[in-house]
Amino acid sequence: MHVIKRNRGRSDLDRQQRASEWGKLIAVAVGLLLVMSFFFDDMGIPQYWAMRNQEQQLEREIRELKVKNAELHLEVDRLRYDPERLEELAREQLGFVRKGETVYQLAPSVPSVGAGSVVPR
C-alpha cells in the first residue's frame, strides 16, 4: 500500500510539472503575440512612428502658416492705413499716373526673321 501512495504522489508531481510547462508555454505564446502586435498591429510601433512624423510635419506647417498669417495681417493694415502702399499698388496693377507725369510703355520685342522664314502680312 505504501507503494501505491508513492505512485500517486509521483503522478501528482508529474501533473504539476506538465501544468507548469503548459503555463510557461502559454505565457511565452501570449508574450510572443504581444510583441508581434507591437510591430504588426494597426496601432503598433511603426504606426506610432509614422503618426509622430506626421505630427512634426503638421507642427512645421502650422508655424509656417502663422508666419504667413502675420504677414497678411501686416499687408491688410498697410492697405488700410498707408496711402503710399495704396498708390504703389494703383500704379503697378492699375496703371494709374499722377497728373502731369509722362508714361512710357515699351512694346514687346518682335522675334527676328531668319533666312527662309515666312513673314506674315
PDB file of N, CA and C in Angstrom:
ATOM      1  N   MET A   1       0.798  -1.169   0.000  1.00  0.00           N
ATOM      2  CA  MET A   1       0.000   0.000   0.000  1.00  0.00           C
ATOM      3  C   MET A   1       0.864   1.267   0.000  1.00  0.00           C
ATOM      4  N   HIS A   2       1.953   1.176   0.629  1.00  0.00           N
ATOM      5  CA  HIS A   2       2.874   2.287   0.658  1.00  0.00           C
ATOM      6  C   HIS A   2       3.379   2.619  -0.746  1.00  0.00           C
ATOM      7  N   VAL A   3       3.542   1.662  -1.563  1.00  0.00           N
ATOM      8  CA  VAL A   3       3.983   1.850  -2.941  1.00  0.00           C
ATOM      9  C   VAL A   3       2.909   2.600  -3.728  1.00  0.00           C
ATOM     10  N   ILE A   4       1.697   2.337  -3.493  1.00  0.00           N
ATOM     11  CA  ILE A   4       0.610   2.991  -4.206  1.00  0.00           C
ATOM     12  C   ILE A   4       0.611   4.493  -3.880  1.00  0.00           C
ATOM     13  N   LYS A   5       0.824   4.844  -2.636  1.00  0.00           N
ATOM     14  CA  LYS A   5       0.864   6.250  -2.277  1.00  0.00           C
ATOM     15  C   LYS A   5       2.015   6.945  -2.988  1.00  0.00           C
ATOM     16  N   ARG A   6       3.140   6.256  -3.066  1.00  0.00           N
ATOM     17  CA  ARG A   6       4.276   6.845  -3.741  1.00  0.00           C
ATOM     18  C   ARG A   6       3.966   7.074  -5.209  1.00  0.00           C
ATOM     19  N   ASN A   7       3.295   6.140  -5.854  1.00  0.00           N
ATOM     20  CA  ASN A   7       2.927   6.297  -7.252  1.00  0.00           C
ATOM     21  C   ASN A   7       1.947   7.449  -7.421  1.00  0.00           C
ATOM     22  N   ARG A   8       0.997   7.527  -6.489  1.00  0.00           N
ATOM     23  CA  ARG A   8       0.059   8.629  -6.572  1.00  0.00           C
ATOM     24  C   ARG A   8       0.782   9.955  -6.368  1.00  0.00           C
ATOM     25  N   GLY A   9       1.653  10.050  -5.462  1.00  0.00           N
ATOM     26  CA  GLY A   9       2.416  11.259  -5.213  1.00  0.00           C
ATOM     27  C   GLY A   9       3.252  11.627  -6.435  1.00  0.00           C
ATOM     28  N   ARG A  10       3.827  10.636  -7.027  1.00  0.00           N
ATOM     29  CA  ARG A  10       4.641  10.888  -8.221  1.00  0.00           C
ATOM     30  C   ARG A  10       3.740  11.327  -9.376  1.00  0.00           C
ATOM     31  N   SER A  11       2.578  10.726  -9.474  1.00  0.00           N
ATOM     32  CA  SER A  11       1.636  11.106 -10.519  1.00  0.00           C
ATOM     33  C   SER A  11       1.199  12.560 -10.332  1.00  0.00           C
ATOM     34  N   ASP A  12       0.945  12.967  -9.096  1.00  0.00           N
ATOM     35  CA  ASP A  12       0.586  14.360  -8.822  1.00  0.00           C
ATOM     36  C   ASP A  12       1.739  15.290  -9.191  1.00  0.00           C
ATOM     37  N   LEU A  13       2.951  14.879  -8.892  1.00  0.00           N
ATOM     38  CA  LEU A  13       4.125  15.684  -9.223  1.00  0.00           C
ATOM     39  C   LEU A  13       4.276  15.815 -10.734  1.00  0.00           C
ATOM     40  N   ASP A  14       4.058  14.735 -11.469  1.00  0.00           N
ATOM     41  CA  ASP A  14       4.133  14.779 -12.937  1.00  0.00           C
ATOM     42  C   ASP A  14       3.064  15.721 -13.501  1.00  0.00           C
ATOM     43  N   ARG A  15       1.853  15.654 -12.955  1.00  0.00           N
ATOM     44  CA  ARG A  15       0.786  16.533 -13.412  1.00  0.00           C
ATOM     45  C   ARG A  15       1.133  18.001 -13.134  1.00  0.00           C
ATOM     46  N   GLN A  16       1.702  18.264 -11.994  1.00  0.00           N
ATOM     47  CA  GLN A  16       2.088  19.630 -11.658  1.00  0.00           C
ATOM     48  C   GLN A  16       3.182  20.129 -12.599  1.00  0.00           C
ATOM     49  N   GLN A  17       4.132  19.256 -12.920  1.00  0.00           N
ATOM     50  CA  GLN A  17       5.206  19.655 -13.833  1.00  0.00           C
ATOM     51  C   GLN A  17       4.642  19.928 -15.231  1.00  0.00           C
ATOM     52  N   ARG A  18       3.738  19.053 -15.694  1.00  0.00           N
ATOM     53  CA  ARG A  18       3.125  19.273 -17.006  1.00  0.00           C
ATOM     54  C   ARG A  18       2.302  20.557 -17.020  1.00  0.00           C
ATOM     55  N   ALA A  19       1.574  20.809 -15.935  1.00  0.00           N
ATOM     56  CA  ALA A  19       0.782  22.036 -15.850  1.00  0.00           C
ATOM     57  C   ALA A  19       1.709  23.246 -15.840  1.00  0.00           C
ATOM     58  N   SER A  20       2.812  23.128 -15.149  1.00  0.00           N
ATOM     59  CA  SER A  20       3.782  24.214 -15.118  1.00  0.00           C
ATOM     60  C   SER A  20       4.379  24.450 -16.501  1.00  0.00           C
ATOM     61  N   GLU A  21       4.683  23.377 -17.212  1.00  0.00           N
ATOM     62  CA  GLU A  21       5.222  23.505 -18.576  1.00  0.00           C
ATOM     63  C   GLU A  21       4.194  24.145 -19.504  1.00  0.00           C
ATOM     64  N   TRP A  22       2.927  23.726 -19.381  1.00  0.00           N
ATOM     65  CA  TRP A  22       1.869  24.327 -20.194  1.00  0.00           C
ATOM     66  C   TRP A  22       1.694  25.806 -19.854  1.00  0.00           C
ATOM     67  N   GLY A  23       1.792  26.128 -18.583  1.00  0.00           N
ATOM     68  CA  GLY A  23       1.685  27.526 -18.156  1.00  0.00           C
ATOM     69  C   GLY A  23       2.797  28.370 -18.761  1.00  0.00           C
ATOM     70  N   LYS A  24       4.028  27.833 -18.755  1.00  0.00           N
ATOM     71  CA  LYS A  24       5.151  28.543 -19.353  1.00  0.00           C
ATOM     72  C   LYS A  24       4.950  28.703 -20.855  1.00  0.00           C
ATOM     73  N   LEU A  25       4.477  27.640 -21.504  1.00  0.00           N
ATOM     74  CA  LEU A  25       4.244  27.673 -22.946  1.00  0.00           C
ATOM     75  C   LEU A  25       3.182  28.719 -23.294  1.00  0.00           C
ATOM     76  N   ILE A  26       2.121  28.764 -22.507  1.00  0.00           N
ATOM     77  CA  ILE A  26       1.057  29.752 -22.743  1.00  0.00           C
ATOM     78  C   ILE A  26       1.591  31.164 -22.511  1.00  0.00           C
ATOM     79  N   ALA A  27       2.387  31.350 -21.462  1.00  0.00           N
ATOM     80  CA  ALA A  27       2.959  32.666 -21.188  1.00  0.00           C
ATOM     81  C   ALA A  27       3.874  33.117 -22.335  1.00  0.00           C
ATOM     82  N   VAL A  28       4.682  32.204 -22.869  1.00  0.00           N
ATOM     83  CA  VAL A  28       5.553  32.534 -23.997  1.00  0.00           C
ATOM     84  C   VAL A  28       4.713  32.883 -25.220  1.00  0.00           C
ATOM     85  N   ALA A  29       3.650  32.131 -25.481  1.00  0.00           N
ATOM     86  CA  ALA A  29       2.792  32.396 -26.637  1.00  0.00           C
ATOM     87  C   ALA A  29       2.112  33.763 -26.496  1.00  0.00           C
ATOM     88  N   VAL A  30       1.617  34.081 -25.317  1.00  0.00           N
ATOM     89  CA  VAL A  30       0.977  35.376 -25.099  1.00  0.00           C
ATOM     90  C   VAL A  30       2.007  36.494 -25.260  1.00  0.00           C
ATOM     91  N   GLY A  31       3.189  36.304 -24.701  1.00  0.00           N
ATOM     92  CA  GLY A  31       4.252  37.296 -24.853  1.00  0.00           C
ATOM     93  C   GLY A  31       4.620  37.501 -26.305  1.00  0.00           C
ATOM     94  N   LEU A  32       4.721  36.408 -27.052  1.00  0.00           N
ATOM     95  CA  LEU A  32       5.032  36.493 -28.487  1.00  0.00           C
ATOM     96  C   LEU A  32       3.939  37.245 -29.237  1.00  0.00           C
ATOM     97  N   LEU A  33       2.685  36.987 -28.903  1.00  0.00           N
ATOM     98  CA  LEU A  33       1.577  37.708 -29.539  1.00  0.00           C
ATOM     99  C   LEU A  33       1.639  39.203 -29.223  1.00  0.00           C
ATOM    100  N   LEU A  34       1.979  39.537 -27.985  1.00  0.00           N
ATOM    101  CA  LEU A  34       2.093  40.954 -27.621  1.00  0.00           C
ATOM    102  C   LEU A  34       3.221  41.634 -28.395  1.00  0.00           C
ATOM    103  N   VAL A  35       4.361  40.974 -28.476  1.00  0.00           N
ATOM    104  CA  VAL A  35       5.492  41.547 -29.214  1.00  0.00           C
ATOM    105  C   VAL A  35       5.130  41.702 -30.684  1.00  0.00           C
ATOM    106  N   MET A  36       4.481  40.702 -31.267  1.00  0.00           N
ATOM    107  CA  MET A  36       4.076  40.795 -32.673  1.00  0.00           C
ATOM    108  C   MET A  36       3.074  41.930 -32.866  1.00  0.00           C
ATOM    109  N   SER A  37       2.166  42.115 -31.913  1.00  0.00           N
ATOM    110  CA  SER A  37       1.182  43.204 -32.061  1.00  0.00           C
ATOM    111  C   SER A  37       1.861  44.564 -31.976  1.00  0.00           C
ATOM    112  N   PHE A  38       2.947  44.668 -31.206  1.00  0.00           N
ATOM    113  CA  PHE A  38       3.690  45.929 -31.152  1.00  0.00           C
ATOM    114  C   PHE A  38       4.233  46.317 -32.516  1.00  0.00           C
ATOM    115  N   PHE A  39       4.593  45.333 -33.322  1.00  0.00           N
ATOM    116  CA  PHE A  39       5.222  45.638 -34.609  1.00  0.00           C
ATOM    117  C   PHE A  39       4.275  45.529 -35.798  1.00  0.00           C
ATOM    118  N   PHE A  40       3.266  44.693 -35.715  1.00  0.00           N
ATOM    119  CA  PHE A  40       2.444  44.442 -36.896  1.00  0.00           C
ATOM    120  C   PHE A  40       0.993  44.860 -36.767  1.00  0.00           C
ATOM    121  N   ASP A  41       0.577  45.331 -35.623  1.00  0.00           N
ATOM    122  CA  ASP A  41      -0.811  45.731 -35.413  1.00  0.00           C
ATOM    123  C   ASP A  41      -1.061  47.112 -36.020  1.00  0.00           C
ATOM    124  N   ASP A  42      -2.327  47.478 -36.187  1.00  0.00           N
ATOM    125  CA  ASP A  42      -2.689  48.796 -36.726  1.00  0.00           C
ATOM    126  C   ASP A  42      -2.166  49.930 -35.858  1.00  0.00           C
ATOM    127  N   MET A  43      -2.061  49.716 -34.592  1.00  0.00           N
ATOM    128  CA  MET A  43      -1.560  50.740 -33.679  1.00  0.00           C
ATOM    129  C   MET A  43      -0.203  50.332 -33.094  1.00  0.00           C
ATOM    130  N   GLY A  44       0.590  49.631 -33.864  1.00  0.00           N
ATOM    131  CA  GLY A  44       1.904  49.190 -33.414  1.00  0.00           C
ATOM    132  C   GLY A  44       2.947  50.287 -33.513  1.00  0.00           C
ATOM    133  N   ILE A  45       4.177  49.920 -33.237  1.00  0.00           N
ATOM    134  CA  ILE A  45       5.290  50.875 -33.218  1.00  0.00           C
ATOM    135  C   ILE A  45       5.498  51.549 -34.577  1.00  0.00           C
ATOM    136  N   PRO A  46       5.494  50.847 -35.708  1.00  0.00           N
ATOM    137  CA  PRO A  46       5.661  51.562 -36.987  1.00  0.00           C
ATOM    138  C   PRO A  46       4.579  52.612 -37.219  1.00  0.00           C
ATOM    139  N   GLN A  47       3.356  52.291 -36.854  1.00  0.00           N
ATOM    140  CA  GLN A  47       2.263  53.273 -36.990  1.00  0.00           C
ATOM    141  C   GLN A  47       2.502  54.456 -36.060  1.00  0.00           C
ATOM    142  N   TYR A  48       2.996  54.190 -34.865  1.00  0.00           N
ATOM    143  CA  TYR A  48       3.306  55.260 -33.914  1.00  0.00           C
ATOM    144  C   TYR A  48       4.361  56.190 -34.498  1.00  0.00           C
ATOM    145  N   TRP A  49       5.419  55.622 -35.086  1.00  0.00           N
ATOM    146  CA  TRP A  49       6.476  56.446 -35.685  1.00  0.00           C
ATOM    147  C   TRP A  49       5.936  57.272 -36.842  1.00  0.00           C
ATOM    148  N   ALA A  50       5.099  56.663 -37.680  1.00  0.00           N
ATOM    149  CA  ALA A  50       4.516  57.385 -38.816  1.00  0.00           C
ATOM    150  C   ALA A  50       3.645  58.540 -38.309  1.00  0.00           C
ATOM    151  N   MET A  51       2.857  58.281 -37.284  1.00  0.00           N
ATOM    152  CA  MET A  51       1.993  59.329 -36.742  1.00  0.00           C
ATOM    153  C   MET A  51       2.830  60.433 -36.083  1.00  0.00           C
ATOM    154  N   ARG A  52       3.917  60.062 -35.462  1.00  0.00           N
ATOM    155  CA  ARG A  52       4.793  61.067 -34.835  1.00  0.00           C
ATOM    156  C   ARG A  52       5.440  61.949 -35.908  1.00  0.00           C
ATOM    157  N   ASN A  53       5.894  61.331 -37.006  1.00  0.00           N
ATOM    158  CA  ASN A  53       6.457  62.115 -38.109  1.00  0.00           C
ATOM    159  C   ASN A  53       5.410  63.052 -38.698  1.00  0.00           C
ATOM    160  N   GLN A  54       4.199  62.561 -38.857  1.00  0.00           N
ATOM    161  CA  GLN A  54       3.120  63.389 -39.388  1.00  0.00           C
ATOM    162  C   GLN A  54       2.820  64.554 -38.445  1.00  0.00           C
ATOM    163  N   GLU A  55       2.852  64.301 -37.147  1.00  0.00           N
ATOM    164  CA  GLU A  55       2.623  65.367 -36.165  1.00  0.00           C
ATOM    165  C   GLU A  55       3.691  66.457 -36.302  1.00  0.00           C
ATOM    166  N   GLN A  56       4.949  66.045 -36.452  1.00  0.00           N
ATOM    167  CA  GLN A  56       6.028  67.021 -36.597  1.00  0.00           C
ATOM    168  C   GLN A  56       5.860  67.833 -37.875  1.00  0.00           C
ATOM    169  N   GLN A  57       5.460  67.166 -38.964  1.00  0.00           N
ATOM    170  CA  GLN A  57       5.230  67.867 -40.230  1.00  0.00           C
ATOM    171  C   GLN A  57       4.093  68.881 -40.075  1.00  0.00           C
ATOM    172  N   LEU A  58       3.013  68.477 -39.428  1.00  0.00           N
ATOM    173  CA  LEU A  58       1.879  69.383 -39.231  1.00  0.00           C
ATOM    174  C   LEU A  58       2.257  70.564 -38.339  1.00  0.00           C
ATOM    175  N   GLU A  59       3.088  70.323 -37.338  1.00  0.00           N
ATOM    176  CA  GLU A  59       3.536  71.425 -36.488  1.00  0.00           C
ATOM    177  C   GLU A  59       4.375  72.420 -37.283  1.00  0.00           C
ATOM    178  N   ARG A  60       5.238  71.922 -38.202  1.00  0.00           N
ATOM    179  CA  ARG A  60       6.013  72.822 -39.067  1.00  0.00           C
ATOM    180  C   ARG A  60       5.081  73.641 -39.952  1.00  0.00           C
ATOM    181  N   GLU A  61       4.083  72.975 -40.534  1.00  0.00           N
ATOM    182  CA  GLU A  61       3.134  73.678 -41.395  1.00  0.00           C
ATOM    183  C   GLU A  61       2.369  74.745 -40.608  1.00  0.00           C
ATOM    184  N   ILE A  62       1.995  74.426 -39.375  1.00  0.00           N
ATOM    185  CA  ILE A  62       1.278  75.405 -38.544  1.00  0.00           C
ATOM    186  C   ILE A  62       2.159  76.617 -38.291  1.00  0.00           C
ATOM    187  N   ARG A  63       3.432  76.390 -37.969  1.00  0.00           N
ATOM    188  CA  ARG A  63       4.345  77.523 -37.743  1.00  0.00           C
ATOM    189  C   ARG A  63       4.465  78.376 -39.005  1.00  0.00           C
ATOM    190  N   GLU A  64       4.615  77.719 -40.171  1.00  0.00           N
ATOM    191  CA  GLU A  64       4.728  78.466 -41.428  1.00  0.00           C
ATOM    192  C   GLU A  64       3.454  79.253 -41.714  1.00  0.00           C
ATOM    193  N   LEU A  65       2.305  78.651 -41.461  1.00  0.00           N
ATOM    194  CA  LEU A  65       1.035  79.343 -41.698  1.00  0.00           C
ATOM    195  C   LEU A  65       0.837  80.513 -40.736  1.00  0.00           C
ATOM    196  N   LYS A  66       1.327  80.379 -39.503  1.00  0.00           N
ATOM    197  CA  LYS A  66       1.230  81.501 -38.564  1.00  0.00           C
ATOM    198  C   LYS A  66       2.078  82.677 -39.038  1.00  0.00           C
ATOM    199  N   VAL A  67       3.266  82.374 -39.569  1.00  0.00           N
ATOM    200  CA  VAL A  67       4.120  83.442 -40.101  1.00  0.00           C
ATOM    201  C   VAL A  67       3.434  84.101 -41.293  1.00  0.00           C
ATOM    202  N   LYS A  68       2.896  83.295 -42.209  1.00  0.00           N
ATOM    203  CA  LYS A  68       2.201  83.828 -43.387  1.00  0.00           C
ATOM    204  C   LYS A  68       0.990  84.657 -42.962  1.00  0.00           C
ATOM    205  N   ASN A  69       0.264  84.188 -41.968  1.00  0.00           N
ATOM    206  CA  ASN A  69      -0.910  84.908 -41.457  1.00  0.00           C
ATOM    207  C   ASN A  69      -0.500  86.268 -40.900  1.00  0.00           C
ATOM    208  N   ALA A  70       0.600  86.302 -40.161  1.00  0.00           N
ATOM    209  CA  ALA A  70       1.079  87.575 -39.604  1.00  0.00           C
ATOM    210  C   ALA A  70       1.470  88.531 -40.732  1.00  0.00           C
ATOM    211  N   GLU A  71       2.128  87.996 -41.780  1.00  0.00           N
ATOM    212  CA  GLU A  71       2.496  88.834 -42.928  1.00  0.00           C
ATOM    213  C   GLU A  71       1.256  89.398 -43.610  1.00  0.00           C
ATOM    214  N   LEU A  72       0.232  88.573 -43.759  1.00  0.00           N
ATOM    215  CA  LEU A  72      -1.001  89.044 -44.389  1.00  0.00           C
ATOM    216  C   LEU A  72      -1.706  90.100 -43.537  1.00  0.00           C
ATOM    217  N   HIS A  73      -1.678  89.931 -42.226  1.00  0.00           N
ATOM    218  CA  HIS A  73      -2.267  90.956 -41.347  1.00  0.00           C
ATOM    219  C   HIS A  73      -1.532  92.282 -41.511  1.00  0.00           C
ATOM    220  N   LEU A  74      -0.208  92.233 -41.608  1.00  0.00           N
ATOM    221  CA  LEU A  74       0.557  93.465 -41.829  1.00  0.00           C
ATOM    222  C   LEU A  74       0.183  94.108 -43.158  1.00  0.00           C
ATOM    223  N   GLU A  75       0.035  93.298 -44.202  1.00  0.00           N
ATOM    224  CA  GLU A  75      -0.339  93.834 -45.518  1.00  0.00           C
ATOM    225  C   GLU A  75      -1.733  94.454 -45.471  1.00  0.00           C
ATOM    226  N   VAL A  76      -2.665  93.825 -44.776  1.00  0.00           N
ATOM    227  CA  VAL A  76      -4.013  94.388 -44.633  1.00  0.00           C
ATOM    228  C   VAL A  76      -3.945  95.738 -43.925  1.00  0.00           C
ATOM    229  N   ASP A  77      -3.149  95.796 -42.854  1.00  0.00           N
ATOM    230  CA  ASP A  77      -3.002  97.075 -42.141  1.00  0.00           C
ATOM    231  C   ASP A  77      -2.396  98.143 -43.046  1.00  0.00           C
ATOM    232  N   ARG A  78      -1.401  97.770 -43.847  1.00  0.00           N
ATOM    233  CA  ARG A  78      -0.794  98.739 -44.768  1.00  0.00           C
ATOM    234  C   ARG A  78      -1.809  99.205 -45.804  1.00  0.00           C
ATOM    235  N   LEU A  79      -2.636  98.287 -46.300  1.00  0.00           N
ATOM    236  CA  LEU A  79      -3.641  98.684 -47.291  1.00  0.00           C
ATOM    237  C   LEU A  79      -4.694  99.601 -46.669  1.00  0.00           C
ATOM    238  N   ARG A  80      -4.992  99.422 -45.403  1.00  0.00           N
ATOM    239  CA  ARG A  80      -5.994 100.258 -44.743  1.00  0.00           C
ATOM    240  C   ARG A  80      -5.455 101.640 -44.384  1.00  0.00           C
ATOM    241  N   TYR A  81      -4.196 101.695 -43.933  1.00  0.00           N
ATOM    242  CA  TYR A  81      -3.717 102.917 -43.297  1.00  0.00           C
ATOM    243  C   TYR A  81      -2.514 103.568 -43.973  1.00  0.00           C
ATOM    244  N   ASP A  82      -1.929 102.962 -44.991  1.00  0.00           N
ATOM    245  CA  ASP A  82      -0.727 103.515 -45.611  1.00  0.00           C
ATOM    246  C   ASP A  82      -1.044 103.996 -47.024  1.00  0.00           C
ATOM    247  N   PRO A  83      -1.196 105.297 -47.235  1.00  0.00           N
ATOM    248  CA  PRO A  83      -1.538 105.810 -48.567  1.00  0.00           C
ATOM    249  C   PRO A  83      -0.429 105.550 -49.595  1.00  0.00           C
ATOM    250  N   GLU A  84       0.820 105.485 -49.151  1.00  0.00           N
ATOM    251  CA  GLU A  84       1.910 105.197 -50.089  1.00  0.00           C
ATOM    252  C   GLU A  84       1.777 103.791 -50.662  1.00  0.00           C
ATOM    253  N   ARG A  85       1.358 102.830 -49.827  1.00  0.00           N
ATOM    254  CA  ARG A  85       1.166 101.453 -50.314  1.00  0.00           C
ATOM    255  C   ARG A  85       0.009 101.409 -51.311  1.00  0.00           C
ATOM    256  N   LEU A  86      -1.057 102.132 -51.042  1.00  0.00           N
ATOM    257  CA  LEU A  86      -2.194 102.171 -51.965  1.00  0.00           C
ATOM    258  C   LEU A  86      -1.774 102.766 -53.312  1.00  0.00           C
ATOM    259  N   GLU A  87      -1.000 103.846 -53.267  1.00  0.00           N
ATOM    260  CA  GLU A  87      -0.534 104.453 -54.513  1.00  0.00           C
ATOM    261  C   GLU A  87       0.366 103.498 -55.278  1.00  0.00           C
ATOM    262  N   GLU A  88       1.251 102.817 -54.563  1.00  0.00           N
ATOM    263  CA  GLU A  88       2.158 101.851 -55.202  1.00  0.00           C
ATOM    264  C   GLU A  88       1.371 100.767 -55.942  1.00  0.00           C
ATOM    265  N   LEU A  89       0.348 100.220 -55.291  1.00  0.00           N
ATOM    266  CA  LEU A  89      -0.462  99.187 -55.931  1.00  0.00           C
ATOM    267  C   LEU A  89      -1.270  99.739 -57.103  1.00  0.00           C
ATOM    268  N   ALA A  90      -1.798 100.948 -56.954  1.00  0.00           N
ATOM    269  CA  ALA A  90      -2.567 101.557 -58.036  1.00  0.00           C
ATOM    270  C   ALA A  90      -1.681 101.763 -59.259  1.00  0.00           C
ATOM    271  N   ARG A  91      -0.451 102.165 -59.056  1.00  0.00           N
ATOM    272  CA  ARG A  91       0.474 102.364 -60.180  1.00  0.00           C
ATOM    273  C   ARG A  91       0.862 101.025 -60.818  1.00  0.00           C
ATOM    274  N   GLU A  92       1.201 100.042 -59.992  1.00  0.00           N
ATOM    275  CA  GLU A  92       1.668  98.754 -60.516  1.00  0.00           C
ATOM    276  C   GLU A  92       0.553  97.967 -61.197  1.00  0.00           C
ATOM    277  N   GLN A  93      -0.561  97.829 -60.532  1.00  0.00           N
ATOM    278  CA  GLN A  93      -1.593  96.914 -61.007  1.00  0.00           C
ATOM    279  C   GLN A  93      -2.644  97.580 -61.890  1.00  0.00           C
ATOM    280  N   LEU A  94      -2.893  98.866 -61.687  1.00  0.00           N
ATOM    281  CA  LEU A  94      -3.952  99.527 -62.438  1.00  0.00           C
ATOM    282  C   LEU A  94      -3.424 100.535 -63.452  1.00  0.00           C
ATOM    283  N   GLY A  95      -2.105 100.796 -63.413  1.00  0.00           N
ATOM    284  CA  GLY A  95      -1.512 101.720 -64.373  1.00  0.00           C
ATOM    285  C   GLY A  95      -1.852 103.176 -64.115  1.00  0.00           C
ATOM    286  N   PHE A  96      -2.204 103.533 -62.900  1.00  0.00           N
ATOM    287  CA  PHE A  96      -2.531 104.923 -62.588  1.00  0.00           C
ATOM    288  C   PHE A  96      -1.278 105.799 -62.649  1.00  0.00           C
ATOM    289  N   VAL A  97      -1.465 107.059 -63.052  1.00  0.00           N
ATOM    290  CA  VAL A  97      -0.378 108.038 -63.077  1.00  0.00           C
ATOM    291  C   VAL A  97      -0.893 109.330 -62.456  1.00  0.00           C
ATOM    292  N   ARG A  98       0.019 110.099 -61.970  1.00  0.00           N
ATOM    293  CA  ARG A  98      -0.360 111.404 -61.408  1.00  0.00           C
ATOM    294  C   ARG A  98      -0.486 112.413 -62.537  1.00  0.00           C
ATOM    295  N   LYS A  99      -1.235 113.446 -62.289  1.00  0.00           N
ATOM    296  CA  LYS A  99      -1.430 114.499 -63.271  1.00  0.00           C
ATOM    297  C   LYS A  99      -0.070 115.154 -63.559  1.00  0.00           C
ATOM    298  N   GLY A 100       0.236 115.272 -64.833  1.00  0.00           N
ATOM    299  CA  GLY A 100       1.480 115.898 -65.246  1.00  0.00           C
ATOM    300  C   GLY A 100       2.618 114.912 -65.465  1.00  0.00           C
ATOM    301  N   GLU A 101       2.467 113.647 -65.090  1.00  0.00           N
ATOM    302  CA  GLU A 101       3.522 112.653 -65.306  1.00  0.00           C
ATOM    303  C   GLU A 101       3.459 112.151 -66.742  1.00  0.00           C
ATOM    304  N   THR A 102       4.603 111.793 -67.277  1.00  0.00           N
ATOM    305  CA  THR A 102       4.675 111.201 -68.607  1.00  0.00           C
ATOM    306  C   THR A 102       4.982 109.712 -68.453  1.00  0.00           C
ATOM    307  N   VAL A 103       4.217 108.901 -69.134  1.00  0.00           N
ATOM    308  CA  VAL A 103       4.384 107.452 -69.035  1.00  0.00           C
ATOM    309  C   VAL A 103       4.930 106.929 -70.349  1.00  0.00           C
ATOM    310  N   TYR A 104       5.935 106.112 -70.264  1.00  0.00           N
ATOM    311  CA  TYR A 104       6.494 105.458 -71.445  1.00  0.00           C
ATOM    312  C   TYR A 104       6.200 103.973 -71.333  1.00  0.00           C
ATOM    313  N   GLN A 105       5.638 103.415 -72.391  1.00  0.00           N
ATOM    314  CA  GLN A 105       5.386 101.985 -72.425  1.00  0.00           C
ATOM    315  C   GLN A 105       6.283 101.381 -73.482  1.00  0.00           C
ATOM    316  N   LEU A 106       6.950 100.312 -73.120  1.00  0.00           N
ATOM    317  CA  LEU A 106       7.828  99.630 -74.054  1.00  0.00           C
ATOM    318  C   LEU A 106       7.050  98.505 -74.716  1.00  0.00           C
ATOM    319  N   ALA A 107       7.145  98.460 -76.036  1.00  0.00           N
ATOM    320  CA  ALA A 107       6.470  97.395 -76.778  1.00  0.00           C
ATOM    321  C   ALA A 107       7.279  96.115 -76.639  1.00  0.00           C
ATOM    322  N   PRO A 108       6.609  94.968 -76.634  1.00  0.00           N
ATOM    323  CA  PRO A 108       7.349  93.712 -76.557  1.00  0.00           C
ATOM    324  C   PRO A 108       8.218  93.543 -77.798  1.00  0.00           C
ATOM    325  N   SER A 109       9.358  92.894 -77.610  1.00  0.00           N
ATOM    326  CA  SER A 109      10.275  92.711 -78.736  1.00  0.00           C
ATOM    327  C   SER A 109       9.679  91.736 -79.739  1.00  0.00           C
ATOM    328  N   VAL A 110       9.940  92.012 -81.026  1.00  0.00           N
ATOM    329  CA  VAL A 110       9.444  91.178 -82.119  1.00  0.00           C
ATOM    330  C   VAL A 110      10.541  90.172 -82.451  1.00  0.00           C
ATOM    331  N   PRO A 111      10.202  88.888 -82.598  1.00  0.00           N
ATOM    332  CA  PRO A 111      11.239  87.905 -82.934  1.00  0.00           C
ATOM    333  C   PRO A 111      11.847  88.226 -84.298  1.00  0.00           C
ATOM    334  N   SER A 112      13.153  88.041 -84.366  1.00  0.00           N
ATOM    335  CA  SER A 112      13.835  88.341 -85.638  1.00  0.00           C
ATOM    336  C   SER A 112      13.475  87.299 -86.679  1.00  0.00           C
ATOM    337  N   VAL A 113      13.482  87.738 -87.947  1.00  0.00           N
ATOM    338  CA  VAL A 113      13.111  86.876 -89.074  1.00  0.00           C
ATOM    339  C   VAL A 113      14.403  86.290 -89.635  1.00  0.00           C
ATOM    340  N   GLY A 114      14.489  84.979 -89.678  1.00  0.00           N
ATOM    341  CA  GLY A 114      15.680  84.304 -90.205  1.00  0.00           C
ATOM    342  C   GLY A 114      15.531  84.022 -91.683  1.00  0.00           C
ATOM    343  N   ALA A 115      16.605  83.557 -92.305  1.00  0.00           N
ATOM    344  CA  ALA A 115      16.580  83.215 -93.727  1.00  0.00           C
ATOM    345  C   ALA A 115      15.619  82.072 -93.970  1.00  0.00           C
ATOM    346  N   GLY A 116      14.811  82.209 -94.957  1.00  0.00           N
ATOM    347  CA  GLY A 116      13.871  81.150 -95.320  1.00  0.00           C
ATOM    348  C   GLY A 116      12.591  81.200 -94.520  1.00  0.00           C
ATOM    349  N   SER A 117      12.443  82.164 -93.626  1.00  0.00           N
ATOM    350  CA  SER A 117      11.221  82.260 -92.816  1.00  0.00           C
ATOM    351  C   SER A 117      10.161  83.034 -93.610  1.00  0.00           C
ATOM    352  N   VAL A 118       8.953  82.725 -93.344  1.00  0.00           N
ATOM    353  CA  VAL A 118       7.848  83.418 -93.973  1.00  0.00           C
ATOM    354  C   VAL A 118       7.402  84.523 -93.033  1.00  0.00           C
ATOM    355  N   VAL A 119       7.301  85.740 -93.576  1.00  0.00           N
ATOM    356  CA  VAL A 119       6.889  86.885 -92.797  1.00  0.00           C
ATOM    357  C   VAL A 119       5.392  87.080 -92.992  1.00  0.00           C
ATOM    358  N   PRO A 120       4.637  87.081 -91.896  1.00  0.00           N
ATOM    359  CA  PRO A 120       3.188  87.295 -92.048  1.00  0.00           C
ATOM    360  C   PRO A 120       2.913  88.737 -92.408  1.00  0.00           C
ATOM    361  N   ARG A 121       1.856  88.942 -93.187  1.00  0.00           N
ATOM    362  CA  ARG A 121       1.490  90.303 -93.619  1.00  0.00           C
ATOM    363  C   ARG A 121       0.343  90.814 -92.849  1.00  0.00           C
TER     364      ARG A 121
END
